[in-house]
Amino acid sequence: MSSIDDAGAARQVQEHLSAIADAVEGLGDCDLTGLSDAELTDTMRWLEKTLRRASAVGHNLIVETAERSLPGKLGHKSVNKLLIGVLRISAADASARITAAKSLGTWHALSGQPLPVDLPETAAAQRDGDIGPDHARAIREVIRKIPHTVSSSDVAVAEQILAELARSATPEDVEKAGHELLAHLNPDGNLTDDKDRKRLRGIRFGRQDQNLMTPISGHLDPETRALLDPILAKWA
């Protein structure tokens, strides 16, 4: 019975993928010069909405890949390496997709029951096609910076506010509103402690450019900064 169900699921997925491929091919062959200005902008909005919803599907594909331990079965050391090898995308892109899937995808317990999504309102907004990856990234960064001493109910409200704003605003607008929310939740700036610093610390490496230069960004905790200062003073 399971094999029959599996075959039916595979057929259904293939039918949907074929429909997408046919639709994209058809759109690629369309004469856009025949559209009015309003029709052109409506087409852009509709296509963007569809692509955003497709990103939400991508999250659950990554979840399924991780929960099946597929990388190891296919000879890859991690989900990141699998995405790079299978999709031929950059390491930075693979990392960004996995980070998004962790907070927006639907993960499961060992019993198979779905677990609560980390950012449920943000995930819903992307499934609706109202927000894109940059909106979600802005929301995630704000939520990540909220001190752990803030109540879970306040964090949930903050995420809801940002997700609702994102449905009608730009990622930059969301980022600005996030700064205001953080100031409201921690007006004196005294809620951050070592636990928060440990959660926020880290260094991110960008893509190597044509001159083989690599941009870096991130946050150092006080101890690491103290270790780095004398090194920079001597060698920088």
Foldseek 3Di string as FASTA:
>chain_A
DVVVVVVVVVVVVVVVVVVVVVVVVVVVPDDCVPDDPVRVVVVVLVVLLVVLLVLLVLLQVLQVCVVVVVCVVVVHPDSLRVCCVPVVDDSVVSVLSPVCSQQQNFHADPVRHTDDHNLDLLNVCSNSSLAHSLLSVLLVVLLLQAQPVQDPVLSNVSSNVLSVVRSPDPSVVSNVVSVVSSCVNCVPVPRHDPVSLVSFFDKDWADQDPVRDIDMDGDDDPVVCVVCVVVVVVPD
